[in-house]
Protein backbone atom coordinates (compact mmCIF):
# COMPACT_ATOMS: atom_id res chain seq x y z
CA MET A 1 92.91 95.99 23.32
CA SER A 2 93.73 97.16 26.85
CA THR A 3 92.43 95.32 29.85
CA THR A 4 93.22 98.15 32.25
CA SER A 5 90.61 98.57 34.98
CA THR A 6 90.06 101.35 37.46
CA HIS A 7 92.35 101.04 40.51
CA PRO A 8 90.48 100.46 43.74
CA SER A 9 91.89 103.72 45.18
CA LEU A 10 89.91 105.68 42.56
CA SER A 11 86.14 106.25 42.69
CA PRO A 12 84.39 107.42 39.49
CA VAL A 13 81.70 110.07 40.00
CA SER A 14 78.55 110.18 37.93
CA THR A 15 75.36 112.21 38.18
CA SER A 16 72.32 112.59 35.96
CA ASN A 17 72.23 116.27 37.02
CA ALA A 18 75.04 116.93 34.56
CA PRO A 19 75.47 115.77 30.96
CA ALA A 20 76.76 112.24 30.56
CA ALA A 21 80.33 111.84 29.46
CA VAL A 22 80.54 111.98 25.64
CA GLY A 23 83.62 109.76 25.48
CA PRO A 24 85.66 107.22 27.41
CA TYR A 25 86.04 109.24 30.60
CA ALA A 26 84.26 109.89 33.90
CA GLN A 27 82.47 113.07 34.93
CA GLY A 28 84.81 113.06 37.92
CA ILE A 29 87.24 110.91 39.84
CA ARG A 30 87.73 110.88 43.60
CA VAL A 31 91.14 109.92 44.97
CA SER A 32 92.25 110.36 48.56
CA ASP A 33 90.93 113.76 49.63
CA LEU A 34 90.68 115.21 46.11
CA LEU A 35 88.05 115.31 43.42
CA PHE A 36 89.09 115.84 39.80
CA CYS A 37 86.23 117.01 37.56
CA SER A 38 86.34 116.58 33.82
CA GLY A 39 85.59 119.51 31.58
CA SER A 40 82.00 120.78 31.72
CA LEU A 41 80.32 122.28 28.67
CA GLY A 42 77.14 124.29 28.39
CA LEU A 43 75.02 121.24 27.62
CA ASP A 44 71.52 121.04 29.03
CA PRO A 45 71.55 117.64 30.79
CA SER A 46 67.84 117.12 30.23
CA VAL A 47 68.15 117.18 26.42
CA GLY A 48 71.87 116.69 25.81
CA LYS A 49 72.17 119.75 23.58
CA MET A 50 74.16 122.97 23.87
CA VAL A 51 72.12 125.79 25.39
CA GLU A 52 71.33 128.73 23.14
CA GLY A 53 72.36 132.29 23.93
CA GLY A 54 76.06 132.35 23.16
CA VAL A 55 79.05 132.20 25.48
CA GLU A 56 77.27 133.69 28.47
CA ALA A 57 74.48 131.08 28.42
CA GLN A 58 77.03 128.31 27.84
CA ALA A 59 79.19 129.52 30.72
CA GLU A 60 76.21 129.69 33.06
CA GLN A 61 75.10 126.15 32.17
CA ALA A 62 78.63 124.73 32.28
CA LEU A 63 79.10 126.11 35.78
CA LYS A 64 75.77 124.56 36.87
CA ASN A 65 76.95 121.24 35.40
CA LEU A 66 80.30 121.53 37.20
CA LYS A 67 78.50 122.25 40.48
CA ALA A 68 76.39 119.12 40.01
CA VAL A 69 79.48 116.96 39.54
CA VAL A 70 81.32 118.58 42.46
CA GLU A 71 78.35 117.91 44.73
CA ALA A 72 77.85 114.37 43.45
CA GLY A 73 81.51 113.77 44.24
CA GLY A 74 81.00 114.79 47.86
CA SER A 75 82.43 118.29 47.78
CA GLU A 76 81.08 121.82 47.39
CA LEU A 77 81.91 124.97 45.46
CA GLY A 78 83.68 126.54 48.45
CA LYS A 79 86.15 123.62 48.38
CA VAL A 80 87.15 124.06 44.73
CA VAL A 81 90.91 124.51 44.78
CA LYS A 82 91.71 125.06 41.09
CA THR A 83 89.78 125.69 37.90
CA THR A 84 90.85 125.78 34.28
CA VAL A 85 88.69 127.80 31.91
CA PHE A 86 88.85 127.17 28.17
CA LEU A 87 87.51 129.85 25.82
CA ALA A 88 87.00 129.62 22.09
CA ASN A 89 87.63 133.40 21.99
CA MET A 90 89.60 135.35 24.58
CA ASP A 91 87.42 138.37 23.72
CA ASP A 92 84.76 136.62 25.79
CA PHE A 93 86.91 136.78 28.94
CA VAL A 94 85.17 139.82 30.48
CA PRO A 95 81.54 138.58 30.24
CA VAL A 96 82.58 135.05 31.26
CA ASN A 97 84.56 136.44 34.19
CA ALA A 98 81.46 138.27 35.44
CA ILE A 99 79.43 135.02 35.38
CA TYR A 100 82.29 133.10 37.01
CA SER A 101 82.56 135.72 39.75
CA ARG A 102 78.83 135.58 40.50
CA PHE A 103 78.95 131.80 40.55
CA PHE A 104 81.83 131.49 43.04
CA GLY A 105 80.92 134.57 45.10
CA ASP A 106 83.60 135.43 47.66
CA HIS A 107 85.47 132.14 47.06
CA LYS A 108 88.36 132.60 44.66
CA PRO A 109 89.95 129.32 43.57
CA ALA A 110 93.28 129.32 41.75
CA ARG A 111 92.54 129.56 38.04
CA SER A 112 93.97 129.43 34.56
CA ALA A 113 92.11 130.73 31.53
CA VAL A 114 93.20 129.92 28.00
CA GLN A 115 91.96 130.37 24.47
CA VAL A 116 91.85 127.17 22.47
CA ALA A 117 91.53 126.47 18.78
CA ARG A 118 88.39 124.40 19.21
CA LEU A 119 86.28 122.82 21.95
CA PRO A 120 84.15 119.67 21.83
CA LEU A 121 80.81 120.16 20.08
CA ASN A 122 82.06 123.60 18.96
CA ALA A 123 81.41 124.92 22.46
CA LEU A 124 82.45 128.46 23.32
CA PHE A 125 83.30 127.72 26.98
CA GLU A 126 84.51 124.76 29.04
CA ILE A 127 85.60 124.51 32.67
CA GLU A 128 87.25 121.79 34.75
CA CYS A 129 88.28 121.78 38.40
CA ILE A 130 90.00 120.10 41.31
CA ALA A 131 88.14 120.20 44.61
CA SER A 132 89.00 119.19 48.16
CA LEU A 133 87.05 116.43 49.90
CA GLY A 134 88.65 117.27 53.27
CA LYS A 135 86.76 118.52 56.28
């Protein structure tokens, strides 16, 4: 059994405005002037269940959850530097891209988008990000 503890230079981020971590990880970690956010799914934080309505509803909720973690970590959407989008089906790229574009507005972080074999809880969409904490 490991006795590793979090280094003092790292600050875990947690907010009840996003679903609690479903495993041994933090919603986010602050280090220096960066915030690393774990993957966000389309879970409704008030009930802990995946929202209904398919990939578009899941993407919308996942982005709201990501925003909550980013803000709890002391940053904002306009300081998101990089996102990674995970899709269960790349055929969903166009509708998800429209939601993503509305969410970020004129801000365009660097991004990767990949199709994966399976996501946690059989989700259709997941997003993670790195945000700046600088002024």
